[in-house]
Amino acid sequence: MNWLNNVKTSVKLTGGFLIVASIVVVVGAVGFLSVSNLSNIIVQNYNNYVIPLEYLATARVDLFRIRSNLLNMFLIPEKKNESINEINNLVSEINAQLELINQIETISAEENSELKYFNETWASYQADLKSVINMIETGNTQEALQAIQPDSSFTQKRDEVALHLNNLSNMNLTMLKNRQDYAQDVFSQTSTLLIIVGGIGLIFALIFGVVITRNITIPLGQGVGMMRDLKQGHLDVRLKMSRMDEIGELASSMDEFAETMQKITIQILESANSTTAATAEILAAVSQHTASANEQSASVNQTTTTVDELRAAAEQTAQKANSVAHDSQNSVAVGETGRQSVEAIMDGMEEIREKVQAIAQDILALSEQTQQIGEITSTVNDIADQSNMLALNATIEAAKAGEQGKGFAVVAMEVRNLAEQSKQATTKVRSILNDIQKATNAAVLATEQGTKGVEAGMTLAQQAGDVINQLAETIRESSQTVQQISASAHQQSIGMEQIAQAMKDINQATIQFVAGARQSQLAAENLNHMAQELQKSIEFYKI
């Protein structure tokens, strides 16, 4: 039955149904033909034998009714006419029954011979019956009674008619019994044939059904067993069926599916192992990255603190620069006063003596102010050095911050340039202050010598005027320089403010970066956990 494995399941089922249907059709056809044959036999028996028996029985009854009405004519004379009419009707009815019997096509030769004798006797009996009725109607009652006596010809004819009717009835009964026996034989043969055909069809259907069922259910059971094995993780099972039907295609597909699943599982297992190692490395890298981000956040916080201190120092520098500018303006005013004093000396020597002391005092005050300016320039120089160092540190931190630290690097560079300018300015101011110090020393000597004589004082006054003019010019330049220092300090303060704001932005970005790093660490931990769970799940399958 291997050829059955190469037949499509739909063809098997359809063929099985068609075979069973054919068997049912054959059994039904045999039964229908047999029943039809029996029905025809029954109909023929009824039409050819039962109906004639009814006709003959009716004729026999009518014959006896004729006799009764004939006797009533003697017994009840007043109803003679009614009896005559009844007798005529009965005779007509018997003739009609005989006419119907003569029309039956299946009458045998023996029945035809018997009918021939019956017709002859019945015709003679009718003639004698009319004669007896005529006797009664004419009043020959005694003659009529004599005609109907038991041994009379009329009575013998009547008995012969009854005998022919009985013979015809017996013939029909005999033939009807034979036909019934034939019908019984046909029914028995039909029943036997139906049982044989039905039994053969049932056996064949059962055999074919069992073969088809086993041909379908056994491989399906094997497929179900394979699915159970696959469910339990056994990916190495195969059906290996050599069939060309749908079950063979299903088995081949299941084998291919198991083969694919086995390959995929192997790949997933390898990928899971690689993923587990990679996620461990990612987790370690992310953890290190998070630690670095935390360190960077601490550095940014420290830098922010340093920038805040630098901003405060810049504010102090700006304030001191403003103070120096104010003092420089006072120095300018002193220079103007000195120059006016020289002019007054030129106008009158007499006033020299009075002014020498004032000049000496002014020069001493100038000396003190120049000393203060020296201290301020020293402070500015220190601030410039500190600003330069802070700007260098800020540049380094901005480089660490990457893209977000570019703005901060620009500000740090600006602060560094400002510090360099401040340092250069303080150097220049210090040089000027040295010149001023020398000038004040010379002025002191000049005032001491001014008392030695008017002429010498005139000369010295002239020299002092020149020196004072130079001093005034120098003080004016120093004032301008100090104003530049004040403006630079103000810019430095603004730059420090910008640096502080940039550091706040960097600190906020660093905080967000640390939060993202923590989320990345959590994601890496989840990924590592999922990779381990995947590896455990894949280990369930046996490859």
Protein backbone atom coordinates (compact mmCIF):
# COMPACT_ATOMS: atom_id res chain seq x y z
CA MET A 1 0.00 0.00 0.00
CA ASN A 2 3.00 2.33 -0.40
CA TRP A 3 1.34 3.78 -3.52
CA LEU A 4 -1.35 5.18 -1.19
CA ASN A 5 1.30 7.35 0.50
CA ASN A 6 1.81 9.20 -2.78
CA VAL A 7 -1.88 10.05 -3.20
CA LYS A 8 -3.09 13.41 -1.95
CA THR A 9 -5.13 13.30 1.25
CA SER A 10 -7.95 15.21 -0.41
CA VAL A 11 -8.00 12.57 -3.18
CA LYS A 12 -7.99 9.77 -0.57
CA LEU A 13 -10.88 11.25 1.37
CA THR A 14 -12.80 12.19 -1.76
CA GLY A 15 -12.12 8.73 -3.25
CA GLY A 16 -13.22 7.05 -0.03
CA PHE A 17 -16.42 9.06 0.05
CA LEU A 18 -17.03 8.36 -3.65
CA ILE A 19 -16.47 4.62 -3.15
CA VAL A 20 -18.81 4.51 -0.18
CA ALA A 21 -21.30 6.62 -2.12
CA SER A 22 -20.94 4.26 -5.11
CA ILE A 23 -21.58 1.27 -2.84
CA VAL A 24 -24.63 3.01 -1.42
CA VAL A 25 -25.79 3.87 -4.95
CA VAL A 26 -25.30 0.25 -6.10
CA VAL A 27 -27.13 -1.14 -3.07
CA GLY A 28 -29.86 1.48 -3.53
CA ALA A 29 -30.12 0.75 -7.25
CA VAL A 30 -30.37 -3.02 -6.64
CA GLY A 31 -32.93 -2.41 -3.92
CA PHE A 32 -34.85 0.03 -6.08
CA LEU A 33 -34.95 -2.37 -9.04
CA SER A 34 -35.96 -5.24 -6.80
CA VAL A 35 -38.66 -3.21 -5.10
CA SER A 36 -39.83 -1.94 -8.48
CA ASN A 37 -40.02 -5.53 -9.74
CA LEU A 38 -41.97 -6.56 -6.65
CA SER A 39 -44.25 -3.56 -7.04
CA ASN A 40 -44.90 -4.50 -10.68
CA ILE A 41 -45.65 -8.07 -9.66
CA ILE A 42 -48.04 -6.90 -6.94
CA VAL A 43 -49.76 -4.48 -9.34
CA GLN A 44 -50.04 -7.20 -11.99
CA ASN A 45 -51.42 -9.66 -9.44
CA TYR A 46 -53.98 -7.14 -8.33
CA ASN A 47 -55.01 -6.13 -11.84
CA ASN A 48 -54.90 -9.61 -13.40
CA TYR A 49 -56.10 -11.80 -10.55
CA VAL A 50 -57.50 -9.91 -7.60
CA ILE A 51 -59.79 -7.68 -9.63
CA PRO A 52 -61.10 -10.64 -11.72
CA LEU A 53 -61.77 -12.49 -8.47
CA GLU A 54 -63.76 -9.49 -7.29
CA TYR A 55 -65.68 -9.49 -10.57
CA LEU A 56 -66.37 -13.24 -10.32
CA ALA A 57 -67.37 -12.98 -6.67
CA THR A 58 -69.74 -10.14 -7.53
CA ALA A 59 -71.18 -12.19 -10.40
CA ARG A 60 -71.74 -15.16 -8.08
CA VAL A 61 -73.48 -12.97 -5.53
CA ASP A 62 -75.63 -11.43 -8.26
CA LEU A 63 -76.53 -14.94 -9.48
CA PHE A 64 -77.82 -15.90 -6.05
CA ARG A 65 -79.63 -12.57 -5.75
CA ILE A 66 -81.40 -13.36 -9.08
CA ARG A 67 -82.60 -16.60 -7.52
CA SER A 68 -83.81 -14.78 -4.43
CA ASN A 69 -85.74 -12.17 -6.45
CA LEU A 70 -87.22 -14.94 -8.59
CA LEU A 71 -88.54 -16.70 -5.44
CA ASN A 72 -89.88 -13.35 -4.15
CA MET A 73 -92.01 -13.09 -7.26
CA PHE A 74 -93.80 -16.23 -6.08
CA LEU A 75 -93.82 -15.33 -2.42
CA ILE A 76 -94.64 -11.63 -2.69
CA PRO A 77 -96.71 -11.16 -5.84
CA GLU A 78 -97.40 -7.47 -5.10
CA LYS A 79 -93.64 -6.77 -5.48
CA LYS A 80 -93.34 -8.71 -8.69
CA ASN A 81 -92.42 -5.74 -10.79
CA GLU A 82 -89.73 -4.64 -8.36
CA SER A 83 -88.27 -8.15 -8.40
CA ILE A 84 -88.33 -8.18 -12.19
CA ASN A 85 -86.46 -4.85 -12.35
CA GLU A 86 -83.97 -6.08 -9.78
CA ILE A 87 -83.40 -9.28 -11.77
CA ASN A 88 -82.81 -7.30 -14.97
CA ASN A 89 -80.33 -5.02 -13.20
CA LEU A 90 -78.50 -8.02 -11.75
CA VAL A 91 -78.31 -9.65 -15.18
CA SER A 92 -76.90 -6.43 -16.66
CA GLU A 93 -74.36 -6.21 -13.83
CA ILE A 94 -73.23 -9.82 -14.39
CA ASN A 95 -72.83 -9.09 -18.10
CA ALA A 96 -70.76 -6.02 -17.26
CA GLN A 97 -68.52 -8.00 -14.90
CA LEU A 98 -68.01 -10.66 -17.59
CA GLU A 99 -67.16 -7.91 -20.11
CA LEU A 100 -64.47 -6.58 -17.77
CA ILE A 101 -63.07 -10.07 -17.29
CA ASN A 102 -62.92 -10.58 -21.06
CA GLN A 103 -60.82 -7.34 -21.36
CA ILE A 104 -58.02 -8.70 -19.15
CA GLU A 105 -54.95 -9.42 -21.33
CA THR A 106 -53.34 -12.04 -19.12
CA ILE A 107 -56.20 -14.58 -19.29
CA SER A 108 -54.85 -18.05 -19.87
CA ALA A 109 -56.12 -20.53 -22.46
CA GLU A 110 -57.75 -22.61 -19.74
CA GLU A 111 -59.60 -19.52 -18.48
CA ASN A 112 -60.68 -18.66 -22.04
CA SER A 113 -62.09 -22.17 -22.49
CA GLU A 114 -63.91 -21.93 -19.17
CA LEU A 115 -65.27 -18.49 -20.11
CA LYS A 116 -66.50 -19.88 -23.41
CA TYR A 117 -68.51 -22.62 -21.62
CA PHE A 118 -69.69 -20.00 -19.09
CA ASN A 119 -70.93 -17.65 -21.82
CA GLU A 120 -72.84 -20.44 -23.56
CA THR A 121 -74.44 -21.67 -20.33
CA TRP A 122 -75.12 -18.10 -19.15
CA ALA A 123 -76.86 -17.25 -22.46
CA SER A 124 -79.07 -20.34 -22.20
CA TYR A 125 -79.79 -19.55 -18.54
CA GLN A 126 -80.82 -16.01 -19.43
CA ALA A 127 -83.26 -17.36 -22.06
CA ASP A 128 -84.86 -19.76 -19.59
CA LEU A 129 -84.95 -16.96 -16.95
CA LYS A 130 -86.89 -14.73 -19.33
CA SER A 131 -89.26 -17.62 -20.06
CA VAL A 132 -89.92 -18.21 -16.32
CA ILE A 133 -90.46 -14.49 -15.73
CA ASN A 134 -92.89 -14.40 -18.68
CA MET A 135 -94.77 -17.33 -17.18
CA ILE A 136 -95.12 -15.51 -13.92
CA GLU A 137 -96.22 -12.33 -15.62
CA THR A 138 -98.86 -14.20 -17.67
CA GLY A 139 -100.19 -16.00 -14.60
CA ASN A 140 -98.79 -19.45 -15.31
CA THR A 141 -97.54 -19.72 -11.80
CA GLN A 142 -97.69 -23.51 -11.62
CA GLU A 143 -95.77 -23.91 -14.81
CA ALA A 144 -93.19 -21.43 -13.57
CA LEU A 145 -92.87 -23.33 -10.29
CA GLN A 146 -92.39 -26.50 -12.19
CA ALA A 147 -89.64 -24.82 -14.28
CA ILE A 148 -87.65 -23.85 -11.25
CA GLN A 149 -87.75 -27.20 -9.52
CA PRO A 150 -84.34 -28.66 -8.45
CA ASP A 151 -84.29 -31.22 -11.17
CA SER A 152 -85.44 -28.88 -13.88
CA SER A 153 -83.29 -27.74 -16.83
CA PHE A 154 -83.45 -24.13 -15.60
CA THR A 155 -82.01 -25.07 -12.23
CA GLN A 156 -79.30 -27.23 -13.80
CA LYS A 157 -78.23 -24.33 -16.06
CA ARG A 158 -78.10 -22.04 -13.08
CA ASP A 159 -75.94 -24.53 -11.24
CA GLU A 160 -73.67 -24.86 -14.29
CA VAL A 161 -73.30 -21.04 -14.41
CA ALA A 162 -72.37 -21.06 -10.71
CA LEU A 163 -69.96 -23.93 -11.33
CA HIS A 164 -68.22 -22.07 -14.18
CA LEU A 165 -67.92 -19.02 -11.92
CA ASN A 166 -66.41 -21.16 -9.19
CA ASN A 167 -64.01 -22.73 -11.67
CA LEU A 168 -62.90 -19.31 -12.92
CA SER A 169 -62.43 -18.14 -9.33
CA ASN A 170 -60.42 -21.22 -8.47
CA MET A 171 -58.27 -20.73 -11.58
CA ASN A 172 -57.58 -17.11 -10.59
CA LEU A 173 -56.84 -18.13 -7.01
CA THR A 174 -54.42 -20.78 -8.22
CA MET A 175 -52.66 -18.37 -10.54
CA LEU A 176 -52.67 -15.66 -7.82
CA LYS A 177 -51.05 -18.10 -5.41
CA ASN A 178 -48.43 -18.97 -8.02
CA ARG A 179 -47.73 -15.29 -8.60
CA GLN A 180 -47.48 -14.73 -4.87
CA ASP A 181 -45.01 -17.58 -4.60
CA TYR A 182 -43.05 -15.99 -7.42
CA ALA A 183 -43.17 -12.61 -5.69
CA GLN A 184 -41.98 -14.25 -2.47
CA ASP A 185 -39.12 -15.86 -4.36
CA VAL A 186 -38.24 -12.48 -5.91
CA PHE A 187 -38.39 -10.84 -2.47
CA SER A 188 -36.15 -13.53 -0.99
CA GLN A 189 -33.67 -13.20 -3.86
CA THR A 190 -33.77 -9.40 -3.58
CA SER A 191 -33.23 -9.54 0.19
CA THR A 192 -30.35 -11.97 -0.23
CA LEU A 193 -28.84 -9.83 -3.00
CA LEU A 194 -29.18 -6.69 -0.90
CA ILE A 195 -27.60 -8.41 2.08
CA ILE A 196 -24.74 -9.74 -0.05
CA VAL A 197 -24.15 -6.47 -1.90
CA GLY A 198 -24.57 -4.42 1.29
CA GLY A 199 -22.28 -6.78 3.22
CA ILE A 200 -19.63 -6.69 0.51
CA GLY A 201 -19.93 -2.91 0.30
CA LEU A 202 -19.77 -2.58 4.08
CA ILE A 203 -16.72 -4.84 4.31
CA PHE A 204 -15.00 -3.02 1.47
CA ALA A 205 -15.89 0.37 2.99
CA LEU A 206 -14.59 -0.75 6.39
CA ILE A 207 -11.36 -2.08 4.89
CA PHE A 208 -10.87 1.04 2.80
CA GLY A 209 -11.78 3.26 5.76
CA VAL A 210 -9.34 1.47 8.05
CA VAL A 211 -6.58 1.65 5.44
CA ILE A 212 -7.16 5.35 4.79
CA THR A 213 -7.54 6.08 8.50
CA ARG A 214 -4.30 4.29 9.35
CA ASN A 215 -2.61 5.91 6.38
CA ILE A 216 -3.58 9.33 7.78
CA THR A 217 -3.69 8.90 11.57
CA ILE A 218 -0.40 6.98 12.03
CA PRO A 219 1.81 9.66 10.40
CA LEU A 220 -0.25 12.36 12.09
CA GLY A 221 0.42 10.63 15.40
CA GLN A 222 4.12 10.63 14.56
CA GLY A 223 3.86 14.34 13.77
CA VAL A 224 2.11 14.97 17.11
CA GLY A 225 4.88 13.03 18.88
CA MET A 226 7.48 15.14 17.12
CA MET A 227 5.69 18.32 18.23
CA ARG A 228 5.71 17.03 21.81
CA ASP A 229 9.45 16.37 21.54
CA LEU A 230 9.97 19.86 20.10
CA LYS A 231 7.90 21.30 22.94
CA GLN A 232 10.20 19.53 25.42
CA GLY A 233 13.24 21.06 23.70
CA HIS A 234 14.40 18.07 21.59
CA LEU A 235 15.34 19.74 18.31
CA ASP A 236 17.17 16.72 16.88
CA VAL A 237 14.04 14.62 16.12
CA ARG A 238 13.01 14.11 12.45
CA LEU A 239 10.07 12.31 10.79
CA LYS A 240 11.87 11.42 7.50
CA MET A 241 8.66 10.34 5.70
CA SER A 242 8.81 9.38 2.02
CA ARG A 243 5.33 10.48 0.98
CA MET A 244 3.95 12.65 -1.80
CA ASP A 245 0.65 13.64 -0.14
CA GLU A 246 -0.15 16.59 2.15
CA ILE A 247 1.03 14.62 5.20
CA GLY A 248 4.36 14.02 3.47
CA GLU A 249 4.59 17.74 2.68
CA LEU A 250 3.68 18.54 6.29
CA ALA A 251 6.29 16.08 7.59
CA SER A 252 8.92 17.53 5.25
CA SER A 253 8.02 21.04 6.39
CA MET A 254 8.21 19.95 10.04
CA ASP A 255 11.64 18.40 9.43
CA GLU A 256 12.78 21.60 7.72
CA PHE A 257 11.29 23.64 10.56
CA ALA A 258 13.11 21.54 13.18
CA GLU A 259 16.33 21.80 11.15
CA THR A 260 15.91 25.58 10.90
CA MET A 261 15.04 25.83 14.59
CA GLN A 262 18.13 23.81 15.47
CA LYS A 263 20.36 26.09 13.38
CA ILE A 264 18.70 29.21 14.74
CA THR A 265 19.03 27.92 18.29
CA ILE A 266 22.71 27.24 17.75
CA GLN A 267 23.14 30.73 16.33
CA ILE A 268 21.11 32.24 19.17
CA LEU A 269 23.17 30.28 21.71
CA GLU A 270 26.38 31.57 20.15
CA SER A 271 24.91 35.06 19.97
CA ALA A 272 23.74 34.78 23.57
CA ASN A 273 27.22 33.81 24.70
CA SER A 274 28.70 36.67 22.68
CA THR A 275 25.97 39.02 23.94
CA THR A 276 26.63 38.01 27.54
CA ALA A 277 30.34 38.75 27.16
CA ALA A 278 29.63 41.98 25.25
CA THR A 279 27.06 43.16 27.77
CA ALA A 280 29.51 42.44 30.57
CA GLU A 281 32.10 44.56 28.79
CA ILE A 282 29.49 47.24 28.09
CA LEU A 283 28.44 47.18 31.74
CA ALA A 284 32.06 47.55 32.86
CA ALA A 285 32.65 50.36 30.35
CA VAL A 286 29.43 52.13 31.30
CA SER A 287 30.29 51.76 35.00
CA GLN A 288 33.74 53.25 34.34
CA HIS A 289 32.09 55.92 32.22
CA THR A 290 29.69 56.71 35.07
CA ALA A 291 32.58 56.93 37.51
CA SER A 292 34.41 59.26 35.11
CA ALA A 293 31.26 61.34 34.76
CA ASN A 294 31.00 61.58 38.54
CA GLU A 295 34.65 62.64 38.72
CA GLN A 296 34.04 65.16 35.95
CA SER A 297 31.02 66.47 37.84
CA ALA A 298 33.17 66.91 40.96
CA SER A 299 35.84 68.68 38.87
CA VAL A 300 33.23 70.94 37.32
CA ASN A 301 31.87 71.76 40.76
CA GLN A 302 35.39 72.56 41.97
CA THR A 303 36.04 74.65 38.85
CA THR A 304 32.75 76.45 39.39
CA THR A 305 33.86 77.28 42.92
CA THR A 306 37.21 78.50 41.62
CA VAL A 307 35.49 80.60 38.97
CA ASP A 308 33.24 82.11 41.63
CA GLU A 309 36.35 83.02 43.64
CA LEU A 310 37.98 84.40 40.50
CA ARG A 311 34.84 86.42 39.79
CA ALA A 312 34.97 87.86 43.34
CA ALA A 313 38.67 88.68 42.87
CA ALA A 314 37.85 90.33 39.54
CA GLU A 315 35.21 92.44 41.24
CA GLN A 316 37.76 93.47 43.87
CA THR A 317 40.23 94.27 41.11
CA ALA A 318 37.66 96.44 39.40
CA GLN A 319 36.95 98.25 42.65
CA LYS A 320 40.68 98.85 43.27
CA ALA A 321 41.11 99.96 39.69
CA ASN A 322 38.32 102.49 40.19
CA SER A 323 40.05 103.68 43.37
CA VAL A 324 43.38 104.02 41.51
CA ALA A 325 41.62 105.95 38.75
CA HIS A 326 40.19 108.31 41.34
CA ASP A 327 43.63 108.78 42.91
CA SER A 328 45.17 109.36 39.50
CA GLN A 329 42.67 112.11 38.86
CA ASN A 330 43.78 113.68 42.16
CA SER A 331 47.38 113.39 40.95
CA VAL A 332 46.38 115.20 37.79
CA ALA A 333 44.87 117.96 39.90
CA VAL A 334 48.11 118.16 41.96
CA GLY A 335 50.14 118.43 38.77
CA GLU A 336 47.99 121.31 37.62
CA THR A 337 48.51 122.98 40.98
CA GLY A 338 52.30 122.55 40.67
CA ARG A 339 52.29 124.04 37.26
CA GLN A 340 50.29 127.01 38.49
CA SER A 341 52.82 127.36 41.32
CA VAL A 342 55.69 127.49 38.80
CA GLU A 343 53.85 130.17 36.92
CA ALA A 344 53.38 132.03 40.17
CA ILE A 345 57.16 131.65 40.81
CA MET A 346 57.78 133.06 37.41
CA ASP A 347 55.44 135.93 38.21
CA GLY A 348 57.08 136.80 41.48
CA MET A 349 59.99 135.44 43.40
CA GLU A 350 58.57 136.84 46.53
CA GLU A 351 55.86 134.28 46.61
CA ILE A 352 58.43 131.43 46.24
CA ARG A 353 59.20 131.26 49.83
CA GLU A 354 55.57 130.94 50.72
CA LYS A 355 54.93 128.31 48.08
CA VAL A 356 58.07 126.26 48.60
CA GLN A 357 56.67 124.79 51.76
CA ALA A 358 53.37 124.04 50.06
CA ILE A 359 55.20 122.46 47.15
CA ALA A 360 57.23 120.38 49.56
CA GLN A 361 54.07 119.19 51.26
CA ASP A 362 52.37 118.49 47.95
CA ILE A 363 55.40 116.58 46.75
CA LEU A 364 55.36 114.50 49.94
CA ALA A 365 51.67 113.77 49.42
CA LEU A 366 52.41 112.86 45.82
CA SER A 367 55.13 110.54 47.02
CA GLU A 368 52.67 108.83 49.33
CA GLN A 369 50.10 108.55 46.53
CA THR A 370 52.68 107.12 44.21
CA GLN A 371 53.53 104.58 46.86
CA GLN A 372 49.80 103.70 47.07
CA ILE A 373 49.71 103.44 43.31
CA GLY A 374 52.68 101.09 43.52
CA GLU A 375 50.81 98.94 46.00
CA ILE A 376 47.74 98.93 43.75
CA THR A 377 49.81 97.97 40.74
CA SER A 378 51.37 95.17 42.77
CA THR A 379 47.88 93.96 43.67
CA VAL A 380 46.74 94.23 40.05
CA ASN A 381 49.84 92.32 38.98
CA ASP A 382 49.06 89.57 41.51
CA ILE A 383 45.45 89.48 40.32
CA ALA A 384 46.64 89.30 36.72
CA ASP A 385 48.92 86.35 37.59
CA GLN A 386 46.07 84.63 39.43
CA SER A 387 43.66 85.37 36.57
CA ASN A 388 46.19 83.97 34.11
CA MET A 389 46.50 80.77 36.19
CA LEU A 390 42.71 80.46 36.55
CA ALA A 391 42.24 81.07 32.83
CA LEU A 392 44.77 78.30 32.11
CA ASN A 393 42.93 75.91 34.45
CA ALA A 394 39.59 76.91 32.90
CA THR A 395 41.00 76.20 29.42
CA ILE A 396 42.05 72.73 30.58
CA GLU A 397 38.58 72.04 32.09
CA ALA A 398 36.88 73.37 28.96
CA ALA A 399 38.95 70.94 26.87
CA LYS A 400 37.74 68.11 29.14
CA ALA A 401 34.10 69.23 28.74
CA GLY A 402 34.32 68.76 24.96
CA GLU A 403 31.72 70.41 22.72
CA GLN A 404 29.88 72.06 25.60
CA GLY A 405 33.11 73.70 26.88
CA LYS A 406 33.93 75.63 23.69
CA GLY A 407 32.18 78.79 24.90
CA PHE A 408 33.93 78.49 28.24
CA ALA A 409 37.30 78.12 26.48
CA VAL A 410 36.67 81.36 24.57
CA VAL A 411 35.84 83.19 27.79
CA ALA A 412 38.93 81.71 29.51
CA MET A 413 41.09 82.89 26.61
CA GLU A 414 39.58 86.36 26.91
CA VAL A 415 40.32 86.40 30.64
CA ARG A 416 43.86 85.25 29.97
CA ASN A 417 44.36 88.07 27.42
CA LEU A 418 42.86 90.53 29.90
CA ALA A 419 45.28 89.30 32.58
CA GLU A 420 48.21 89.74 30.19
CA GLN A 421 47.05 93.26 29.38
CA SER A 422 46.65 94.02 33.10
CA LYS A 423 50.16 92.74 33.77
CA GLN A 424 51.60 94.82 30.95
CA ALA A 425 49.72 97.89 32.23
CA THR A 426 50.99 97.38 35.77
CA THR A 427 54.54 97.09 34.42
CA LYS A 428 54.10 100.34 32.58
CA VAL A 429 52.53 102.02 35.64
CA ARG A 430 55.40 100.78 37.79
CA SER A 431 57.87 102.30 35.37
CA ILE A 432 55.96 105.55 35.46
CA LEU A 433 55.82 105.44 39.23
CA ASN A 434 59.60 104.99 39.34
CA ASP A 435 59.90 108.08 37.22
CA ILE A 436 57.46 109.86 39.50
CA GLN A 437 59.43 108.76 42.55
CA LYS A 438 62.63 110.06 41.06
CA ALA A 439 60.85 113.31 40.17
CA THR A 440 59.50 113.73 43.66
CA ASN A 441 62.96 113.13 45.12
CA ALA A 442 64.38 115.77 42.81
CA ALA A 443 61.55 118.12 43.81
CA VAL A 444 62.39 117.64 47.47
CA LEU A 445 66.03 118.46 46.81
CA ALA A 446 64.90 121.45 44.80
CA THR A 447 62.76 122.79 47.59
CA GLU A 448 65.65 122.37 50.04
CA GLN A 449 67.96 124.26 47.77
CA GLY A 450 65.25 126.88 47.00
CA THR A 451 65.88 128.48 50.31
CA LYS A 452 69.54 129.10 49.47
CA GLY A 453 68.79 131.89 47.23
CA VAL A 454 66.32 133.52 44.94
CA GLU A 455 68.44 133.26 41.92
CA ALA A 456 69.27 129.69 42.58
CA GLY A 457 65.58 129.23 43.40
CA MET A 458 64.62 130.91 40.15
CA THR A 459 66.77 128.50 38.25
CA LEU A 460 65.56 125.62 40.27
CA ALA A 461 62.01 126.91 39.94
CA GLN A 462 62.46 126.89 36.22
CA GLN A 463 63.84 123.41 36.40
CA ALA A 464 61.07 122.45 38.82
CA GLY A 465 58.53 123.89 36.40
CA ASP A 466 59.90 121.72 33.66
CA VAL A 467 59.96 118.71 35.94
CA ILE A 468 56.47 119.46 37.15
CA ASN A 469 55.26 119.79 33.57
CA GLN A 470 56.81 116.42 32.83
CA LEU A 471 55.32 115.09 36.05
CA ALA A 472 51.91 116.42 35.15
CA GLU A 473 52.20 114.83 31.73
CA THR A 474 53.37 111.59 33.32
CA ILE A 475 50.55 111.72 35.85
CA ARG A 476 48.12 112.38 33.02
CA GLU A 477 49.40 109.35 31.17
CA SER A 478 49.29 107.35 34.41
CA SER A 479 45.70 108.44 34.89
CA GLN A 480 44.84 107.26 31.39
CA THR A 481 46.64 103.99 32.05
CA VAL A 482 44.80 103.54 35.33
CA GLN A 483 41.51 104.22 33.54
CA GLN A 484 42.43 101.54 31.00
CA ILE A 485 43.23 99.22 33.90
CA SER A 486 39.82 100.04 35.42
CA ALA A 487 38.08 99.34 32.10
CA SER A 488 40.06 96.10 31.69
CA ALA A 489 39.19 95.11 35.24
CA HIS A 490 35.54 95.81 34.48
CA GLN A 491 35.77 93.65 31.34
CA GLN A 492 37.55 91.04 33.40
CA SER A 493 34.67 91.13 35.89
CA ILE A 494 32.19 90.72 33.02
CA GLY A 495 34.32 87.89 31.62
CA MET A 496 34.38 86.22 35.02
CA GLU A 497 30.59 86.53 35.14
CA GLN A 498 30.35 84.88 31.73
CA ILE A 499 32.80 82.19 32.84
CA ALA A 500 30.69 81.58 35.97
CA GLN A 501 27.52 81.27 33.84
CA ALA A 502 29.30 78.96 31.39
CA MET A 503 30.50 76.82 34.28
CA LYS A 504 26.93 76.65 35.58
CA ASP A 505 25.78 75.48 32.11
CA ILE A 506 28.64 72.97 32.04
CA ASN A 507 27.70 71.83 35.54
CA GLN A 508 24.05 71.39 34.48
CA ALA A 509 25.12 69.52 31.35
CA THR A 510 27.44 67.39 33.46
CA ILE A 511 24.57 66.60 35.84
CA GLN A 512 22.42 65.54 32.87
CA PHE A 513 25.36 63.60 31.50
CA VAL A 514 25.79 61.81 34.84
CA ALA A 515 22.04 61.03 34.88
CA GLY A 516 22.30 59.67 31.31
CA ALA A 517 25.34 57.66 32.30
CA ARG A 518 23.39 56.18 35.19
CA GLN A 519 20.50 55.34 32.87
CA SER A 520 22.99 53.78 30.45
CA GLN A 521 24.42 51.77 33.34
CA LEU A 522 20.91 50.58 34.29
CA ALA A 523 20.19 49.74 30.62
CA ALA A 524 23.50 47.86 30.41
CA GLU A 525 22.63 45.95 33.59
CA ASN A 526 19.18 45.08 32.17
CA LEU A 527 20.77 44.04 28.87
CA ASN A 528 23.25 41.86 30.73
CA HIS A 529 20.39 40.30 32.73
CA MET A 530 18.36 39.70 29.56
CA ALA A 531 21.38 38.13 27.85
CA GLN A 532 21.83 35.77 30.82
CA GLU A 533 18.10 34.90 30.76
CA LEU A 534 18.30 34.29 26.99
CA GLN A 535 21.27 32.00 27.52
CA LYS A 536 19.34 30.07 30.19
CA SER A 537 16.30 29.81 27.87
CA ILE A 538 18.38 28.52 24.95
CA GLU A 539 20.04 25.92 27.22
CA PHE A 540 16.55 24.32 27.52
CA TYR A 541 16.78 23.05 23.92
CA LYS A 542 18.75 19.89 23.13
CA ILE A 543 20.60 20.36 19.88
